[in-house]
Amino acid sequence: MSSTARQTSWLSDLRCYQAIQKSLAGQHDHIAKAYQHQWPNFIIIGSAKSATTTLATVLSQHPEIQISASMEPKFFGRNYRRGWEWYGQQFSSGEHCRLRGEASTMYTSSYRSYQHTPQLIRHHLGIIPLIYIVRHPLRRIESHWRHWRGRINDCPPFHQLLNSKALKQRVVEGSLYHKQLMRYRQWFPAKSIHCLSTEELTAHPIKSLNAILKFLGQPANGSALLFKGSLPLANPAGSKGRRDIEPPQWTAELKKRTLEIIQPDSEAFLKTLHWPNNTWQWD
């Protein structure tokens, strides 16, 4: 990234930060409430490359659920400066629906412009249902790197995973699920955050969807949202570019160093949710 691009990005983040601080101080409450009838009443908060788009697409088939017009609006973060009118328009066609939702995986990123996302959501929307879908941490990293490599010309090679500040923050830290979950539990009670795995959704879609619908206060009729009992095909937008990149290979040293970062967090995440210790295999 050029120095000019870095400066532009820094200024954009600064203005976003300033706008969010004003919002958290209550200075935007009157603006937000003008669009209260269009607010979402549930959000899928991530994680990236874990079938969030697939889940949002499936839920949009429900007659009582509307998903935002823009996939990943990222409003409670970098796009906050677009304003409440823009955000309200994301749900303008769903005012008749009982449930309106969006899916923005950046809401569980460690990027500076999303550091206040949990608090911002809580301040404006109150305690609403949040869905956190996660994937085997190493498989998620592989997919995320392929996504970047396929779309960004100067994306470093996989063996630079931990030497590149950008890759480490965006790709590796995206698998620190417990760290992100605890950020949200500071502002939301545990019962308002439903966690599930990509592997469970893929292997048992009806069971997983029934649990989500029940969590959202709807009848458990997940089978009606599937096509011949199956999830939709992979998201074309999400796989753009990634399909042209070969799956990366882990060297023993890179895998060891990466696991030193993510495995303790993963084990804490599994323990917090009372998921089996062997949910994810590391070999």
Protein backbone atom coordinates (compact mmCIF):
# COMPACT_ATOMS: atom_id res chain seq x y z
CA MET A 1 0.00 0.00 0.00
CA SER A 2 1.35 3.41 -0.95
CA SER A 3 1.93 6.15 1.64
CA THR A 4 -0.98 8.13 0.13
CA ALA A 5 -3.31 5.15 0.41
CA ARG A 6 -2.20 4.54 4.00
CA GLN A 7 -2.84 8.17 4.90
CA THR A 8 -6.28 8.07 3.27
CA SER A 9 -7.13 4.89 5.14
CA TRP A 10 -5.89 6.38 8.42
CA LEU A 11 -7.98 9.54 7.96
CA SER A 12 -11.04 7.47 7.11
CA ASP A 13 -10.59 5.34 10.24
CA LEU A 14 -10.09 8.48 12.35
CA ARG A 15 -13.30 10.07 11.08
CA CYS A 16 -15.16 6.83 11.60
CA TYR A 17 -13.79 6.60 15.15
CA GLN A 18 -14.87 10.18 15.89
CA ALA A 19 -18.37 9.53 14.54
CA ILE A 20 -18.71 6.37 16.62
CA GLN A 21 -17.57 8.19 19.77
CA LYS A 22 -20.25 10.82 19.20
CA SER A 23 -22.79 8.06 18.66
CA LEU A 24 -21.86 6.26 21.88
CA ALA A 25 -22.20 9.58 23.69
CA GLY A 26 -25.84 9.71 22.55
CA GLN A 27 -25.42 12.47 20.00
CA HIS A 28 -26.92 10.37 17.20
CA ASP A 29 -29.80 8.79 19.14
CA HIS A 30 -32.41 11.10 17.66
CA ILE A 31 -31.17 10.35 14.14
CA ALA A 32 -31.12 6.58 14.67
CA LYS A 33 -34.63 6.50 16.18
CA ALA A 34 -36.07 8.05 13.04
CA TYR A 35 -35.35 4.68 11.39
CA GLN A 36 -36.30 2.50 14.36
CA HIS A 37 -39.01 0.72 12.37
CA GLN A 38 -36.29 -0.48 9.98
CA TRP A 39 -33.68 -1.58 12.50
CA PRO A 40 -32.50 -5.20 12.35
CA ASN A 41 -33.52 -7.32 15.31
CA PHE A 42 -30.80 -9.95 14.90
CA ILE A 43 -27.27 -9.97 13.48
CA ILE A 44 -24.89 -12.66 12.26
CA ILE A 45 -21.52 -11.40 13.53
CA GLY A 46 -19.10 -13.78 11.80
CA SER A 47 -16.69 -15.32 11.45
CA ALA A 48 -15.22 -14.74 7.98
CA LYS A 49 -15.05 -17.73 5.61
CA SER A 50 -17.32 -19.78 7.86
CA ALA A 51 -20.50 -19.95 5.72
CA THR A 52 -22.01 -16.71 7.01
CA THR A 53 -23.31 -15.84 3.54
CA THR A 54 -24.73 -19.33 3.15
CA LEU A 55 -26.51 -19.03 6.48
CA ALA A 56 -27.88 -15.58 5.67
CA THR A 57 -29.07 -16.80 2.27
CA VAL A 58 -30.87 -19.77 3.80
CA LEU A 59 -32.54 -17.66 6.48
CA SER A 60 -33.71 -15.19 3.83
CA GLN A 61 -35.94 -17.98 2.45
CA HIS A 62 -38.06 -17.77 5.59
CA PRO A 63 -41.27 -15.76 5.01
CA GLU A 64 -40.83 -13.89 8.30
CA ILE A 65 -37.14 -13.05 7.86
CA GLN A 66 -35.58 -10.31 5.76
CA ILE A 67 -31.84 -10.02 5.23
CA SER A 68 -30.23 -6.66 4.44
CA ALA A 69 -30.10 -5.56 0.81
CA SER A 70 -26.30 -5.33 0.96
CA MET A 71 -24.49 -8.45 2.03
CA GLU A 72 -22.15 -7.44 4.86
CA PRO A 73 -23.19 -3.79 5.34
CA LYS A 74 -20.51 -3.39 8.06
CA PHE A 75 -22.46 -0.46 9.45
CA PHE A 76 -21.43 -0.80 13.10
CA GLY A 77 -17.83 -0.12 12.17
CA ARG A 78 -16.13 1.21 9.05
CA ASN A 79 -19.39 2.10 7.28
CA TYR A 80 -20.96 3.93 10.21
CA ARG A 81 -20.32 7.27 8.52
CA ARG A 82 -22.71 6.29 5.72
CA GLY A 83 -25.45 7.21 8.13
CA TRP A 84 -28.64 5.78 9.56
CA GLU A 85 -30.68 6.60 6.47
CA TRP A 86 -28.39 4.35 4.41
CA TYR A 87 -28.57 1.61 7.02
CA GLY A 88 -32.34 1.86 7.30
CA GLN A 89 -32.64 1.49 3.54
CA GLN A 90 -30.98 -1.92 3.86
CA PHE A 91 -34.20 -3.16 5.45
CA SER A 92 -36.79 -0.94 3.77
CA SER A 93 -38.49 -3.86 2.03
CA GLY A 94 -38.81 -5.92 5.21
CA GLU A 95 -40.93 -3.74 7.46
CA HIS A 96 -43.67 -6.37 7.32
CA CYS A 97 -41.32 -9.13 8.50
CA ARG A 98 -41.08 -10.15 12.12
CA LEU A 99 -37.33 -10.52 11.80
CA ARG A 100 -34.79 -8.36 10.00
CA GLY A 101 -31.14 -9.31 10.04
CA GLU A 102 -27.75 -8.76 8.51
CA ALA A 103 -24.44 -10.65 8.37
CA SER A 104 -21.16 -8.74 8.68
CA THR A 105 -18.12 -10.87 9.46
CA MET A 106 -15.98 -7.82 10.21
CA TYR A 107 -17.99 -7.35 13.39
CA THR A 108 -15.72 -10.02 14.91
CA SER A 109 -12.46 -8.68 13.50
CA SER A 110 -9.66 -7.04 15.45
CA TYR A 111 -9.54 -4.03 13.14
CA ARG A 112 -9.46 -0.64 14.86
CA SER A 113 -12.60 0.59 13.13
CA TYR A 114 -14.56 -2.29 14.71
CA GLN A 115 -13.21 -2.07 18.24
CA HIS A 116 -16.46 -0.54 19.55
CA THR A 117 -18.86 -2.66 17.47
CA PRO A 118 -20.39 -4.67 20.36
CA GLN A 119 -20.99 -1.53 22.40
CA LEU A 120 -22.38 0.35 19.40
CA ILE A 121 -24.86 -2.41 18.58
CA ARG A 122 -25.96 -2.63 22.21
CA HIS A 123 -26.31 1.16 22.53
CA HIS A 124 -28.63 1.51 19.55
CA LEU A 125 -30.36 -1.85 19.12
CA GLY A 126 -30.39 -3.10 22.71
CA ILE A 127 -29.99 -6.76 23.56
CA ILE A 128 -30.81 -8.53 20.32
CA PRO A 129 -30.02 -12.11 19.21
CA LEU A 130 -26.52 -12.49 17.79
CA ILE A 131 -25.35 -15.51 15.78
CA TYR A 132 -21.66 -16.41 15.73
CA ILE A 133 -20.73 -19.14 13.24
CA VAL A 134 -17.16 -20.44 13.43
CA ARG A 135 -15.07 -22.93 11.50
CA HIS A 136 -12.06 -25.12 12.24
CA PRO A 137 -9.49 -22.36 12.95
CA LEU A 138 -6.83 -23.68 10.57
CA ARG A 139 -9.29 -24.39 7.74
CA ARG A 140 -10.71 -20.90 8.15
CA ILE A 141 -7.22 -19.37 7.92
CA GLU A 142 -6.50 -21.33 4.74
CA SER A 143 -9.73 -20.17 3.11
CA HIS A 144 -9.25 -16.58 4.20
CA TRP A 145 -5.72 -16.45 2.82
CA ARG A 146 -6.89 -17.91 -0.52
CA HIS A 147 -9.57 -15.22 -0.63
CA TRP A 148 -7.00 -12.48 -0.12
CA ARG A 149 -4.47 -14.00 -2.48
CA GLY A 150 -7.08 -14.29 -5.22
CA ARG A 151 -8.25 -10.69 -4.88
CA ILE A 152 -5.27 -8.63 -3.77
CA ASN A 153 -2.29 -8.37 -6.09
CA ASP A 154 0.31 -7.75 -3.40
CA CYS A 155 -1.01 -10.31 -0.91
CA PRO A 156 2.04 -12.01 0.66
CA PRO A 157 2.54 -15.75 0.07
CA PHE A 158 1.23 -18.18 2.67
CA HIS A 159 4.62 -18.81 4.26
CA GLN A 160 4.64 -15.11 5.25
CA LEU A 161 1.43 -15.60 7.25
CA LEU A 162 2.95 -14.54 10.56
CA ASN A 163 5.51 -12.10 9.18
CA SER A 164 2.95 -9.90 7.45
CA LYS A 165 1.17 -7.55 9.86
CA ALA A 166 -1.84 -7.38 7.56
CA LEU A 167 -2.15 -11.16 7.19
CA LYS A 168 -1.64 -11.80 10.87
CA GLN A 169 -4.34 -9.32 11.87
CA ARG A 170 -6.91 -10.04 9.20
CA VAL A 171 -6.37 -13.74 8.57
CA VAL A 172 -4.83 -15.33 11.67
CA GLU A 173 -6.58 -13.25 14.32
CA GLY A 174 -9.90 -13.94 12.60
CA SER A 175 -9.67 -17.39 14.20
CA LEU A 176 -9.39 -16.07 17.76
CA TYR A 177 -13.00 -16.94 18.49
CA HIS A 178 -12.87 -16.80 22.27
CA LYS A 179 -11.31 -13.34 22.25
CA GLN A 180 -14.09 -12.06 20.01
CA LEU A 181 -16.84 -13.83 21.94
CA MET A 182 -15.65 -12.24 25.19
CA ARG A 183 -15.81 -8.79 23.56
CA TYR A 184 -19.51 -9.35 22.96
CA ARG A 185 -20.17 -10.88 26.36
CA GLN A 186 -19.12 -7.59 27.91
CA TRP A 187 -22.26 -6.07 26.41
CA PHE A 188 -24.60 -9.01 25.77
CA PRO A 189 -25.70 -11.85 28.06
CA ALA A 190 -24.54 -15.31 27.04
CA LYS A 191 -28.10 -16.42 26.27
CA SER A 192 -28.39 -13.77 23.53
CA ILE A 193 -25.41 -15.15 21.55
CA HIS A 194 -25.94 -18.38 19.63
CA CYS A 195 -22.74 -20.09 18.50
CA LEU A 196 -22.52 -22.87 15.95
CA SER A 197 -19.85 -24.39 13.74
CA THR A 198 -19.66 -24.53 9.97
CA GLU A 199 -18.99 -28.25 10.26
CA GLU A 200 -22.21 -28.80 12.23
CA LEU A 201 -24.25 -26.67 9.81
CA THR A 202 -22.87 -28.60 6.85
CA ALA A 203 -23.28 -32.05 8.38
CA HIS A 204 -26.68 -31.44 10.01
CA PRO A 205 -28.32 -28.46 8.28
CA ILE A 206 -31.89 -29.11 9.43
CA LYS A 207 -30.89 -29.61 13.07
CA SER A 208 -28.69 -26.49 12.97
CA LEU A 209 -31.36 -24.34 11.31
CA ASN A 210 -34.02 -25.55 13.73
CA ALA A 211 -31.80 -24.48 16.64
CA ILE A 212 -31.29 -21.05 15.05
CA LEU A 213 -34.98 -20.55 14.34
CA LYS A 214 -35.83 -21.52 17.91
CA PHE A 215 -33.20 -19.05 19.12
CA LEU A 216 -34.89 -16.36 17.00
CA GLY A 217 -38.30 -17.25 18.41
CA GLN A 218 -39.63 -18.96 15.30
CA PRO A 219 -41.09 -22.45 14.76
CA ALA A 220 -38.44 -25.06 14.03
CA ASN A 221 -39.13 -25.68 10.34
CA GLY A 222 -35.58 -25.56 9.01
CA SER A 223 -36.24 -28.20 6.37
CA ALA A 224 -38.53 -25.75 4.53
CA LEU A 225 -35.56 -23.41 3.96
CA LEU A 226 -33.42 -25.95 2.13
CA PHE A 227 -33.40 -27.01 -1.50
CA LYS A 228 -34.10 -30.73 -1.60
CA GLY A 229 -32.73 -30.99 1.92
CA SER A 230 -29.41 -29.34 1.06
CA LEU A 231 -27.70 -26.01 1.68
CA PRO A 232 -27.23 -23.71 -1.34
CA LEU A 233 -24.05 -23.93 -3.38
CA ALA A 234 -20.95 -22.02 -2.32
CA ASN A 235 -21.28 -18.23 -2.43
CA PRO A 236 -20.00 -17.17 -5.90
CA ALA A 237 -18.90 -13.75 -4.65
CA GLY A 238 -17.02 -15.23 -1.72
CA SER A 239 -15.22 -17.78 -3.87
CA LYS A 240 -14.29 -15.30 -6.60
CA GLY A 241 -10.55 -15.44 -7.06
CA ARG A 242 -10.13 -18.04 -4.32
CA ARG A 243 -11.03 -20.79 -6.76
CA ASP A 244 -7.92 -19.95 -8.79
CA ILE A 245 -5.60 -20.30 -5.78
CA GLU A 246 -4.32 -23.69 -4.76
CA PRO A 247 -4.90 -24.65 -1.10
CA PRO A 248 -1.83 -23.61 0.89
CA GLN A 249 0.56 -26.08 2.46
CA TRP A 250 1.62 -25.79 6.08
CA THR A 251 5.25 -26.25 6.95
CA ALA A 252 5.80 -27.87 10.33
CA GLU A 253 7.31 -24.66 11.70
CA LEU A 254 4.54 -22.37 10.42
CA LYS A 255 1.83 -24.65 11.78
CA LYS A 256 3.59 -24.85 15.16
CA ARG A 257 3.91 -21.07 15.43
CA THR A 258 0.30 -20.53 14.31
CA LEU A 259 -1.06 -23.05 16.79
CA GLU A 260 0.83 -21.30 19.57
CA ILE A 261 -1.33 -18.28 18.80
CA ILE A 262 -4.73 -19.83 18.17
CA GLN A 263 -4.90 -23.15 20.03
CA PRO A 264 -5.11 -21.73 23.58
CA ASP A 265 -7.90 -19.41 22.40
CA SER A 266 -9.70 -22.28 20.66
CA GLU A 267 -9.53 -24.45 23.77
CA ALA A 268 -10.92 -21.59 25.88
CA PHE A 269 -13.72 -21.11 23.34
CA LEU A 270 -14.68 -24.80 23.42
CA LYS A 271 -14.59 -24.83 27.22
CA THR A 272 -16.76 -21.71 27.48
CA LEU A 273 -19.41 -23.21 25.21
CA HIS A 274 -19.12 -26.71 26.69
CA TRP A 275 -18.29 -28.12 23.27
CA PRO A 276 -16.24 -31.35 23.15
CA ASN A 277 -12.48 -30.87 23.46
CA ASN A 278 -11.98 -32.83 20.24
CA THR A 279 -14.31 -30.64 18.16
CA TRP A 280 -11.30 -29.60 16.10
CA GLN A 281 -8.33 -31.84 15.38
CA TRP A 282 -4.92 -30.22 14.99
CA ASP A 283 -2.99 -33.05 13.29
